[in-house]
Amino acid sequence: MGSSFSFRQKVAVDVGTFRIRVASGMFQLMERPSMSALQAGVIVDADAAVSVLEPLLARVKVLGVVKPQVLTCAPSDVTWEERMRLIEVLMRAGATSVVVVPEPLAAAIGAEMDVSSPYAQMVIDIGDGVTDCAVIRSSRVLTGFSQRTGCAALRNALVKRVNVSQEQADKLLHSFGVSLSRNRLHHQPDETLRDEYEQYCSAVAPVVEIILSAIDRFLKDIPAGMGAEVIDSGIVLTGGGALMPGMRSRVETETGIRTTCPGNPQTAVIKGAHAILPVVTALNQWP
């Protein structure tokens, strides 16, 4: 049933492993660090998640009193318990009702893919905690797969193997990327830098392999006809992982399918979720 408050705010929320984002109105974006409330794309500390979300949702209450309706996203393989925990946290943080949509569908819409197309298209969202793959046709997720590995695993590998901080690990990832070129190693004149780069490659390579292998398995498991359409339409890469140098080309090489990135892949999920809000309202799908 729709809400009796026609002026109630309707907002999109991306409860991400690294950052929680709220988009209201004409895409007014607010965000805060997730503060370890999530791990691998799902909430592991409900109280911490509420403490991050509460002040964000308080800012979108009408007259400081009327609670907002919230549309949020969840990974393709979210369990019933994880979905219920997400809804419970949002309600505790100040939502009056919650609708949950598939995260890769929001990512595809935010990347400006024509999700209404009758031909299958594939989106890969590499977030901080999850690599989420989905094939979309006619505005529906036909099949999806999540690997609970993402950018956080890459950073953590560097923290352990190279003995750097999380901030330094992030800078290294956005400097060296994931191409892991051996040419770069052999042509490095400074022996110390050569050793450091070799350490970097040794730390990052196994995690990249986990992500790419998951994508490859997903593609091999989809029906041949669907796969042929994906080959024609290509793959769209979103999420913070898409910003890492070499990630797009690694995915393209691994799959053999043309792979592209939208202009701002890091905000594709929240942009897509925000774009879905009018549809949920028009179809009166608010609980």
C-alpha atoms as a PDB file:
ATOM      1  CA  MET A   1       0.000   0.000   0.000  1.00  0.00           C
ATOM      2  CA  GLY A   2       1.202   3.512  -0.746  1.00  0.00           C
ATOM      3  CA  SER A   3       1.930   5.982   2.024  1.00  0.00           C
ATOM      4  CA  SER A   4      -0.775   8.393   3.233  1.00  0.00           C
ATOM      5  CA  PHE A   5       1.846  11.170   3.183  1.00  0.00           C
ATOM      6  CA  SER A   6       2.065  12.305  -0.463  1.00  0.00           C
ATOM      7  CA  PHE A   7       4.848  14.713   0.498  1.00  0.00           C
ATOM      8  CA  ARG A   8       6.936  12.014   2.169  1.00  0.00           C
ATOM      9  CA  GLN A   9      10.530  11.984   0.837  1.00  0.00           C
ATOM     10  CA  LYS A  10      11.506   9.022  -1.308  1.00  0.00           C
ATOM     11  CA  VAL A  11      15.234   8.340  -1.251  1.00  0.00           C
ATOM     12  CA  ALA A  12      17.738   5.861  -2.656  1.00  0.00           C
ATOM     13  CA  VAL A  13      20.311   4.310  -0.336  1.00  0.00           C
ATOM     14  CA  ASP A  14      23.430   2.372  -1.342  1.00  0.00           C
ATOM     15  CA  VAL A  15      24.612   0.533   1.767  1.00  0.00           C
ATOM     16  CA  GLY A  16      28.109  -0.191   0.474  1.00  0.00           C
ATOM     17  CA  THR A  17      31.003  -2.014   2.128  1.00  0.00           C
ATOM     18  CA  PHE A  18      33.257   1.058   1.929  1.00  0.00           C
ATOM     19  CA  ARG A  19      30.769   3.930   1.790  1.00  0.00           C
ATOM     20  CA  ILE A  20      27.059   4.470   2.463  1.00  0.00           C
ATOM     21  CA  ARG A  21      25.330   6.864   0.073  1.00  0.00           C
ATOM     22  CA  VAL A  22      21.904   8.513   0.173  1.00  0.00           C
ATOM     23  CA  ALA A  23      20.387  10.279  -2.860  1.00  0.00           C
ATOM     24  CA  SER A  24      17.270  12.425  -2.546  1.00  0.00           C
ATOM     25  CA  GLY A  25      15.389  15.019  -4.575  1.00  0.00           C
ATOM     26  CA  MET A  26      17.040  15.811  -7.890  1.00  0.00           C
ATOM     27  CA  PHE A  27      19.976  13.575  -6.969  1.00  0.00           C
ATOM     28  CA  GLN A  28      21.291  15.400  -3.922  1.00  0.00           C
ATOM     29  CA  LEU A  29      24.010  13.009  -2.776  1.00  0.00           C
ATOM     30  CA  MET A  30      25.133  12.515   0.824  1.00  0.00           C
ATOM     31  CA  GLU A  31      27.681   9.927   1.923  1.00  0.00           C
ATOM     32  CA  ARG A  32      29.625   8.645   4.909  1.00  0.00           C
ATOM     33  CA  PRO A  33      32.221   5.882   5.430  1.00  0.00           C
ATOM     34  CA  SER A  34      30.617   2.560   6.372  1.00  0.00           C
ATOM     35  CA  MET A  35      32.819   2.254   9.492  1.00  0.00           C
ATOM     36  CA  SER A  36      33.244  -1.542   9.270  1.00  0.00           C
ATOM     37  CA  ALA A  37      29.470  -2.041   9.483  1.00  0.00           C
ATOM     38  CA  LEU A  38      29.604  -4.203   6.357  1.00  0.00           C
ATOM     39  CA  GLN A  39      31.750  -7.028   5.116  1.00  0.00           C
ATOM     40  CA  ALA A  40      31.611  -8.625   1.659  1.00  0.00           C
ATOM     41  CA  GLY A  41      28.614  -6.489   0.713  1.00  0.00           C
ATOM     42  CA  VAL A  42      26.349  -7.326   3.668  1.00  0.00           C
ATOM     43  CA  ILE A  43      25.772  -5.887   7.132  1.00  0.00           C
ATOM     44  CA  VAL A  44      27.771  -7.594   9.885  1.00  0.00           C
ATOM     45  CA  ASP A  45      27.347  -4.929  12.601  1.00  0.00           C
ATOM     46  CA  ALA A  46      23.749  -3.678  12.664  1.00  0.00           C
ATOM     47  CA  ASP A  47      24.335  -1.067  15.389  1.00  0.00           C
ATOM     48  CA  ALA A  48      27.275   0.440  13.494  1.00  0.00           C
ATOM     49  CA  ALA A  49      25.221   0.558  10.286  1.00  0.00           C
ATOM     50  CA  VAL A  50      22.362   2.315  12.088  1.00  0.00           C
ATOM     51  CA  SER A  51      24.762   4.903  13.554  1.00  0.00           C
ATOM     52  CA  VAL A  52      26.030   5.749  10.044  1.00  0.00           C
ATOM     53  CA  LEU A  53      22.591   5.803   8.395  1.00  0.00           C
ATOM     54  CA  GLU A  54      20.608   7.609  11.093  1.00  0.00           C
ATOM     55  CA  PRO A  55      22.028  11.133  10.591  1.00  0.00           C
ATOM     56  CA  LEU A  56      21.796  10.765   6.791  1.00  0.00           C
ATOM     57  CA  LEU A  57      18.123   9.768   6.879  1.00  0.00           C
ATOM     58  CA  ALA A  58      17.377  12.430   9.510  1.00  0.00           C
ATOM     59  CA  ARG A  59      18.396  15.059   6.949  1.00  0.00           C
ATOM     60  CA  VAL A  60      15.678  13.947   4.505  1.00  0.00           C
ATOM     61  CA  LYS A  61      12.777  13.904   6.981  1.00  0.00           C
ATOM     62  CA  VAL A  62      10.060  16.344   5.930  1.00  0.00           C
ATOM     63  CA  LEU A  63       9.674  19.065   8.594  1.00  0.00           C
ATOM     64  CA  GLY A  64      12.175  17.045  10.614  1.00  0.00           C
ATOM     65  CA  VAL A  65       9.406  14.568  11.491  1.00  0.00           C
ATOM     66  CA  VAL A  66       8.012  12.639   8.491  1.00  0.00           C
ATOM     67  CA  LYS A  67      10.212   9.618   7.815  1.00  0.00           C
ATOM     68  CA  PRO A  68      11.343   8.839   4.252  1.00  0.00           C
ATOM     69  CA  GLN A  69      10.560   5.820   2.111  1.00  0.00           C
ATOM     70  CA  VAL A  70      13.769   4.063   1.091  1.00  0.00           C
ATOM     71  CA  LEU A  71      14.802   2.102  -1.986  1.00  0.00           C
ATOM     72  CA  THR A  72      18.002   0.154  -1.467  1.00  0.00           C
ATOM     73  CA  CYS A  73      20.037  -2.555  -3.219  1.00  0.00           C
ATOM     74  CA  ALA A  74      21.364  -6.006  -2.365  1.00  0.00           C
ATOM     75  CA  PRO A  75      23.839  -8.374  -4.078  1.00  0.00           C
ATOM     76  CA  SER A  76      22.542 -11.061  -6.451  1.00  0.00           C
ATOM     77  CA  ASP A  77      23.149 -13.867  -3.962  1.00  0.00           C
ATOM     78  CA  VAL A  78      21.789 -12.120  -0.857  1.00  0.00           C
ATOM     79  CA  THR A  79      20.234 -14.538   1.615  1.00  0.00           C
ATOM     80  CA  TRP A  80      16.818 -14.040   3.207  1.00  0.00           C
ATOM     81  CA  GLU A  81      18.483 -13.329   6.564  1.00  0.00           C
ATOM     82  CA  GLU A  82      20.839 -10.740   5.025  1.00  0.00           C
ATOM     83  CA  ARG A  83      17.928  -9.032   3.242  1.00  0.00           C
ATOM     84  CA  MET A  84      15.870  -8.899   6.454  1.00  0.00           C
ATOM     85  CA  ARG A  85      18.846  -7.471   8.373  1.00  0.00           C
ATOM     86  CA  LEU A  86      19.239  -4.752   5.739  1.00  0.00           C
ATOM     87  CA  ILE A  87      15.553  -3.808   5.962  1.00  0.00           C
ATOM     88  CA  GLU A  88      15.614  -3.883   9.781  1.00  0.00           C
ATOM     89  CA  VAL A  89      18.670  -1.605   9.914  1.00  0.00           C
ATOM     90  CA  LEU A  90      17.093   0.934   7.544  1.00  0.00           C
ATOM     91  CA  MET A  91      13.854   0.942   9.547  1.00  0.00           C
ATOM     92  CA  ARG A  92      15.788   1.448  12.795  1.00  0.00           C
ATOM     93  CA  ALA A  93      17.769   4.259  11.138  1.00  0.00           C
ATOM     94  CA  GLY A  94      14.629   6.188  10.216  1.00  0.00           C
ATOM     95  CA  ALA A  95      12.910   4.697   7.146  1.00  0.00           C
ATOM     96  CA  THR A  96       9.141   4.234   7.177  1.00  0.00           C
ATOM     97  CA  SER A  97       9.223   1.531   4.475  1.00  0.00           C
ATOM     98  CA  VAL A  98      11.910  -0.205   2.409  1.00  0.00           C
ATOM     99  CA  VAL A  99      12.027  -1.668  -1.112  1.00  0.00           C
ATOM    100  CA  VAL A 100      15.040  -3.830  -2.069  1.00  0.00           C
ATOM    101  CA  VAL A 101      16.145  -4.161  -5.712  1.00  0.00           C
ATOM    102  CA  PRO A 102      19.018  -6.185  -7.253  1.00  0.00           C
ATOM    103  CA  GLU A 103      22.269  -4.240  -7.063  1.00  0.00           C
ATOM    104  CA  PRO A 104      23.431  -5.093 -10.621  1.00  0.00           C
ATOM    105  CA  LEU A 105      20.120  -3.834 -12.057  1.00  0.00           C
ATOM    106  CA  ALA A 106      20.661  -0.491 -10.325  1.00  0.00           C
ATOM    107  CA  ALA A 107      24.280  -0.459 -11.562  1.00  0.00           C
ATOM    108  CA  ALA A 108      23.136  -1.088 -15.150  1.00  0.00           C
ATOM    109  CA  ILE A 109      20.572   1.715 -15.021  1.00  0.00           C
ATOM    110  CA  GLY A 110      23.105   4.072 -13.417  1.00  0.00           C
ATOM    111  CA  ALA A 111      25.560   3.221 -16.209  1.00  0.00           C
ATOM    112  CA  GLU A 112      22.859   4.278 -18.707  1.00  0.00           C
ATOM    113  CA  MET A 113      22.464   0.820 -20.213  1.00  0.00           C
ATOM    114  CA  ASP A 114      19.177   0.311 -22.075  1.00  0.00           C
ATOM    115  CA  VAL A 115      17.874  -2.297 -19.637  1.00  0.00           C
ATOM    116  CA  SER A 116      14.527  -2.414 -21.492  1.00  0.00           C
ATOM    117  CA  SER A 117      16.266  -3.937 -24.538  1.00  0.00           C
ATOM    118  CA  PRO A 118      14.914  -7.377 -25.610  1.00  0.00           C
ATOM    119  CA  TYR A 119      18.523  -8.520 -26.039  1.00  0.00           C
ATOM    120  CA  ALA A 120      20.616  -9.841 -23.155  1.00  0.00           C
ATOM    121  CA  GLN A 121      23.252  -7.499 -21.728  1.00  0.00           C
ATOM    122  CA  MET A 122      25.805  -8.109 -19.003  1.00  0.00           C
ATOM    123  CA  VAL A 123      26.907  -5.839 -16.189  1.00  0.00           C
ATOM    124  CA  ILE A 124      29.756  -6.512 -13.765  1.00  0.00           C
ATOM    125  CA  ASP A 125      29.824  -4.363 -10.644  1.00  0.00           C
ATOM    126  CA  ILE A 126      33.153  -4.629  -8.797  1.00  0.00           C
ATOM    127  CA  GLY A 127      32.498  -3.005  -5.452  1.00  0.00           C
ATOM    128  CA  ASP A 128      34.492  -2.913  -2.256  1.00  0.00           C
ATOM    129  CA  GLY A 129      33.118  -6.174  -0.912  1.00  0.00           C
ATOM    130  CA  VAL A 130      31.417  -7.944  -3.821  1.00  0.00           C
ATOM    131  CA  THR A 131      31.900  -8.608  -7.511  1.00  0.00           C
ATOM    132  CA  ASP A 132      28.330  -8.855  -8.803  1.00  0.00           C
ATOM    133  CA  CYS A 133      27.613 -10.188 -12.300  1.00  0.00           C
ATOM    134  CA  ALA A 134      24.201 -10.184 -13.964  1.00  0.00           C
ATOM    135  CA  VAL A 135      22.583 -10.659 -17.350  1.00  0.00           C
ATOM    136  CA  ILE A 136      19.669  -8.291 -17.926  1.00  0.00           C
ATOM    137  CA  ARG A 137      16.958  -8.403 -20.557  1.00  0.00           C
ATOM    138  CA  SER A 138      13.646  -6.496 -20.800  1.00  0.00           C
ATOM    139  CA  SER A 139      14.262  -4.752 -17.449  1.00  0.00           C
ATOM    140  CA  ARG A 140      14.703  -8.064 -15.595  1.00  0.00           C
ATOM    141  CA  VAL A 141      17.735  -9.814 -14.154  1.00  0.00           C
ATOM    142  CA  LEU A 142      17.702 -13.160 -15.990  1.00  0.00           C
ATOM    143  CA  THR A 143      20.571 -14.616 -13.986  1.00  0.00           C
ATOM    144  CA  GLY A 144      23.151 -13.310 -11.573  1.00  0.00           C
ATOM    145  CA  PHE A 145      26.154 -14.379  -9.550  1.00  0.00           C
ATOM    146  CA  SER A 146      28.080 -12.756  -6.718  1.00  0.00           C
ATOM    147  CA  GLN A 147      31.649 -13.399  -5.665  1.00  0.00           C
ATOM    148  CA  ARG A 148      32.154 -11.991  -2.182  1.00  0.00           C
ATOM    149  CA  THR A 149      35.519 -10.543  -3.182  1.00  0.00           C
ATOM    150  CA  GLY A 150      36.232  -6.984  -4.285  1.00  0.00           C
ATOM    151  CA  CYS A 151      38.461  -3.962  -3.782  1.00  0.00           C
ATOM    152  CA  ALA A 152      38.720  -4.492  -0.004  1.00  0.00           C
ATOM    153  CA  ALA A 153      40.332  -7.900  -0.579  1.00  0.00           C
ATOM    154  CA  LEU A 154      42.914  -6.277  -2.861  1.00  0.00           C
ATOM    155  CA  ARG A 155      43.731  -3.641  -0.240  1.00  0.00           C
ATOM    156  CA  ASN A 156      43.887  -6.219   2.559  1.00  0.00           C
ATOM    157  CA  ALA A 157      46.266  -8.395   0.518  1.00  0.00           C
ATOM    158  CA  LEU A 158      48.640  -5.437   0.182  1.00  0.00           C
ATOM    159  CA  VAL A 159      48.351  -4.564   3.872  1.00  0.00           C
ATOM    160  CA  LYS A 160      49.372  -8.131   4.790  1.00  0.00           C
ATOM    161  CA  ARG A 161      52.001  -8.847   2.136  1.00  0.00           C
ATOM    162  CA  VAL A 162      53.593  -5.415   1.579  1.00  0.00           C
ATOM    163  CA  ASN A 163      53.108  -4.075   5.124  1.00  0.00           C
ATOM    164  CA  VAL A 164      51.384  -0.808   4.186  1.00  0.00           C
ATOM    165  CA  SER A 165      48.352   1.008   5.606  1.00  0.00           C
ATOM    166  CA  GLN A 166      44.889   0.798   4.051  1.00  0.00           C
ATOM    167  CA  GLU A 167      45.351   4.323   2.645  1.00  0.00           C
ATOM    168  CA  GLN A 168      48.746   3.471   1.141  1.00  0.00           C
ATOM    169  CA  ALA A 169      47.326   0.246  -0.308  1.00  0.00           C
ATOM    170  CA  ASP A 170      44.543   2.212  -1.987  1.00  0.00           C
ATOM    171  CA  LYS A 171      47.060   4.621  -3.523  1.00  0.00           C
ATOM    172  CA  LEU A 172      49.171   1.726  -4.799  1.00  0.00           C
ATOM    173  CA  LEU A 173      46.141   0.076  -6.411  1.00  0.00           C
ATOM    174  CA  HIS A 174      45.167   3.266  -8.207  1.00  0.00           C
ATOM    175  CA  SER A 175      48.774   3.829  -9.275  1.00  0.00           C
ATOM    176  CA  PHE A 176      49.880   0.357 -10.404  1.00  0.00           C
ATOM    177  CA  GLY A 177      46.437  -1.145 -11.071  1.00  0.00           C
ATOM    178  CA  VAL A 178      45.830  -4.795 -11.909  1.00  0.00           C
ATOM    179  CA  SER A 179      47.513  -5.257 -15.282  1.00  0.00           C
ATOM    180  CA  LEU A 180      50.587  -6.631 -13.398  1.00  0.00           C
ATOM    181  CA  SER A 181      52.825  -6.212 -16.416  1.00  0.00           C
ATOM    182  CA  ARG A 182      56.044  -8.228 -16.296  1.00  0.00           C
ATOM    183  CA  ASN A 183      57.549  -5.721 -18.754  1.00  0.00           C
ATOM    184  CA  ARG A 184      57.221  -3.092 -16.076  1.00  0.00           C
ATOM    185  CA  LEU A 185      59.083  -5.379 -13.691  1.00  0.00           C
ATOM    186  CA  HIS A 186      61.985  -6.227 -15.993  1.00  0.00           C
ATOM    187  CA  HIS A 187      62.487  -2.679 -17.263  1.00  0.00           C
ATOM    188  CA  GLN A 188      62.604  -1.098 -13.804  1.00  0.00           C
ATOM    189  CA  PRO A 189      66.205   0.202 -13.409  1.00  0.00           C
ATOM    190  CA  ASP A 190      66.043   0.570  -9.622  1.00  0.00           C
ATOM    191  CA  GLU A 191      66.477  -2.822  -7.916  1.00  0.00           C
ATOM    192  CA  THR A 192      64.591  -1.699  -4.791  1.00  0.00           C
ATOM    193  CA  LEU A 193      61.616  -0.535  -6.850  1.00  0.00           C
ATOM    194  CA  ARG A 194      61.784  -3.807  -8.795  1.00  0.00           C
ATOM    195  CA  ASP A 195      61.520  -5.766  -5.557  1.00  0.00           C
ATOM    196  CA  GLU A 196      58.650  -3.595  -4.320  1.00  0.00           C
ATOM    197  CA  TYR A 197      56.736  -4.050  -7.558  1.00  0.00           C
ATOM    198  CA  GLU A 198      57.313  -7.808  -7.441  1.00  0.00           C
ATOM    199  CA  GLN A 199      55.873  -7.848  -3.900  1.00  0.00           C
ATOM    200  CA  TYR A 200      52.916  -5.822  -5.134  1.00  0.00           C
ATOM    201  CA  CYS A 201      52.217  -8.265  -7.982  1.00  0.00           C
ATOM    202  CA  SER A 202      52.536 -11.285  -5.669  1.00  0.00           C
ATOM    203  CA  ALA A 203      49.980  -9.784  -3.275  1.00  0.00           C
ATOM    204  CA  VAL A 204      47.448  -8.585  -5.817  1.00  0.00           C
ATOM    205  CA  ALA A 205      47.562 -11.368  -8.433  1.00  0.00           C
ATOM    206  CA  PRO A 206      45.729 -14.097  -6.423  1.00  0.00           C
ATOM    207  CA  VAL A 207      42.816 -11.771  -5.605  1.00  0.00           C
ATOM    208  CA  VAL A 208      42.509 -10.574  -9.203  1.00  0.00           C
ATOM    209  CA  GLU A 209      42.486 -14.225 -10.266  1.00  0.00           C
ATOM    210  CA  ILE A 210      39.594 -14.971  -7.896  1.00  0.00           C
ATOM    211  CA  ILE A 211      37.560 -12.103  -9.391  1.00  0.00           C
ATOM    212  CA  LEU A 212      38.325 -12.995 -13.013  1.00  0.00           C
ATOM    213  CA  SER A 213      37.730 -16.714 -12.458  1.00  0.00           C
ATOM    214  CA  ALA A 214      34.306 -15.966 -10.949  1.00  0.00           C
ATOM    215  CA  ILE A 215      33.375 -13.890 -13.996  1.00  0.00           C
ATOM    216  CA  ASP A 216      34.601 -16.626 -16.322  1.00  0.00           C
ATOM    217  CA  ARG A 217      32.601 -19.335 -14.478  1.00  0.00           C
ATOM    218  CA  PHE A 218      29.469 -17.216 -14.598  1.00  0.00           C
ATOM    219  CA  LEU A 219      29.784 -16.733 -18.358  1.00  0.00           C
ATOM    220  CA  LYS A 220      30.381 -20.430 -18.961  1.00  0.00           C
ATOM    221  CA  ASP A 221      27.252 -21.342 -16.978  1.00  0.00           C
ATOM    222  CA  ILE A 222      24.760 -19.167 -18.867  1.00  0.00           C
ATOM    223  CA  PRO A 223      22.804 -20.682 -21.815  1.00  0.00           C
ATOM    224  CA  ALA A 224      24.473 -20.476 -25.232  1.00  0.00           C
ATOM    225  CA  GLY A 225      21.794 -18.235 -26.761  1.00  0.00           C
ATOM    226  CA  MET A 226      22.030 -15.784 -23.890  1.00  0.00           C
ATOM    227  CA  GLY A 227      25.818 -15.847 -24.161  1.00  0.00           C
ATOM    228  CA  ALA A 228      25.666 -15.046 -27.879  1.00  0.00           C
ATOM    229  CA  GLU A 229      23.567 -11.954 -27.141  1.00  0.00           C
ATOM    230  CA  VAL A 230      26.021 -10.851 -24.437  1.00  0.00           C
ATOM    231  CA  ILE A 231      28.903 -11.221 -26.917  1.00  0.00           C
ATOM    232  CA  ASP A 232      27.027  -8.935 -29.329  1.00  0.00           C
ATOM    233  CA  SER A 233      26.056  -6.330 -26.728  1.00  0.00           C
ATOM    234  CA  GLY A 234      29.294  -6.392 -24.714  1.00  0.00           C
ATOM    235  CA  ILE A 235      29.977  -6.079 -21.000  1.00  0.00           C
ATOM    236  CA  VAL A 236      29.601  -2.904 -18.923  1.00  0.00           C
ATOM    237  CA  LEU A 237      31.939  -2.623 -15.930  1.00  0.00           C
ATOM    238  CA  THR A 238      30.891  -0.537 -12.905  1.00  0.00           C
ATOM    239  CA  GLY A 239      31.907  -0.048  -9.283  1.00  0.00           C
ATOM    240  CA  GLY A 240      35.084   1.280  -7.700  1.00  0.00           C
ATOM    241  CA  GLY A 241      37.053  -1.621  -9.168  1.00  0.00           C
ATOM    242  CA  ALA A 242      36.376  -0.293 -12.658  1.00  0.00           C
ATOM    243  CA  LEU A 243      38.559   2.730 -11.791  1.00  0.00           C
ATOM    244  CA  MET A 244      41.650   0.614 -11.188  1.00  0.00           C
ATOM    245  CA  PRO A 245      44.124   0.830 -14.089  1.00  0.00           C
ATOM    246  CA  GLY A 246      44.021  -2.317 -16.173  1.00  0.00           C
ATOM    247  CA  MET A 247      40.784  -3.775 -14.759  1.00  0.00           C
ATOM    248  CA  ARG A 248      38.708  -3.146 -17.890  1.00  0.00           C
ATOM    249  CA  SER A 249      41.361  -4.675 -20.150  1.00  0.00           C
ATOM    250  CA  ARG A 250      41.836  -7.676 -17.804  1.00  0.00           C
ATOM    251  CA  VAL A 251      38.090  -8.401 -17.910  1.00  0.00           C
ATOM    252  CA  GLU A 252      38.017  -7.971 -21.685  1.00  0.00           C
ATOM    253  CA  THR A 253      41.014 -10.306 -22.137  1.00  0.00           C
ATOM    254  CA  GLU A 254      39.621 -12.917 -19.735  1.00  0.00           C
ATOM    255  CA  THR A 255      36.157 -13.009 -21.336  1.00  0.00           C
ATOM    256  CA  GLY A 256      37.014 -12.198 -24.945  1.00  0.00           C
ATOM    257  CA  ILE A 257      34.058  -9.792 -24.909  1.00  0.00           C
ATOM    258  CA  ARG A 258      34.203  -6.036 -25.572  1.00  0.00           C
ATOM    259  CA  THR A 259      34.105  -4.323 -22.175  1.00  0.00           C
ATOM    260  CA  THR A 260      33.310  -0.666 -21.502  1.00  0.00           C
ATOM    261  CA  CYS A 261      33.023   1.585 -18.437  1.00  0.00           C
ATOM    262  CA  PRO A 262      30.577   4.469 -17.869  1.00  0.00           C
ATOM    263  CA  GLY A 263      31.852   7.951 -17.122  1.00  0.00           C
ATOM    264  CA  ASN A 264      31.590   7.577 -13.331  1.00  0.00           C
ATOM    265  CA  PRO A 265      31.406   3.855 -12.509  1.00  0.00           C
ATOM    266  CA  GLN A 266      31.771   4.403  -8.764  1.00  0.00           C
ATOM    267  CA  THR A 267      28.332   6.048  -8.428  1.00  0.00           C
ATOM    268  CA  ALA A 268      26.449   3.850 -10.918  1.00  0.00           C
ATOM    269  CA  VAL A 269      24.566   1.902  -8.210  1.00  0.00           C
ATOM    270  CA  ILE A 270      23.257   4.948  -6.316  1.00  0.00           C
ATOM    271  CA  LYS A 271      22.398   6.756  -9.571  1.00  0.00           C
ATOM    272  CA  GLY A 272      20.483   3.718 -10.806  1.00  0.00           C
ATOM    273  CA  ALA A 273      18.677   3.220  -7.500  1.00  0.00           C
ATOM    274  CA  HIS A 274      17.651   6.891  -7.549  1.00  0.00           C
ATOM    275  CA  ALA A 275      16.353   6.494 -11.116  1.00  0.00           C
ATOM    276  CA  ILE A 276      14.179   3.530 -10.058  1.00  0.00           C
ATOM    277  CA  LEU A 277      12.349   5.574  -7.377  1.00  0.00           C
ATOM    278  CA  PRO A 278       9.679   7.049  -9.737  1.00  0.00           C
ATOM    279  CA  VAL A 279       8.952   3.574 -11.141  1.00  0.00           C
ATOM    280  CA  VAL A 280       8.308   2.102  -7.682  1.00  0.00           C
ATOM    281  CA  THR A 281       6.063   5.084  -6.868  1.00  0.00           C
ATOM    282  CA  ALA A 282       4.135   4.893 -10.170  1.00  0.00           C
ATOM    283  CA  LEU A 283       3.491   1.173  -9.676  1.00  0.00           C
ATOM    284  CA  ASN A 284       2.526   1.769  -6.017  1.00  0.00           C
ATOM    285  CA  GLN A 285       5.070  -0.819  -4.831  1.00  0.00           C
ATOM    286  CA  TRP A 286       5.931   0.832  -1.526  1.00  0.00           C
ATOM    287  CA  PRO A 287       5.112  -1.508   1.417  1.00  0.00           C
END
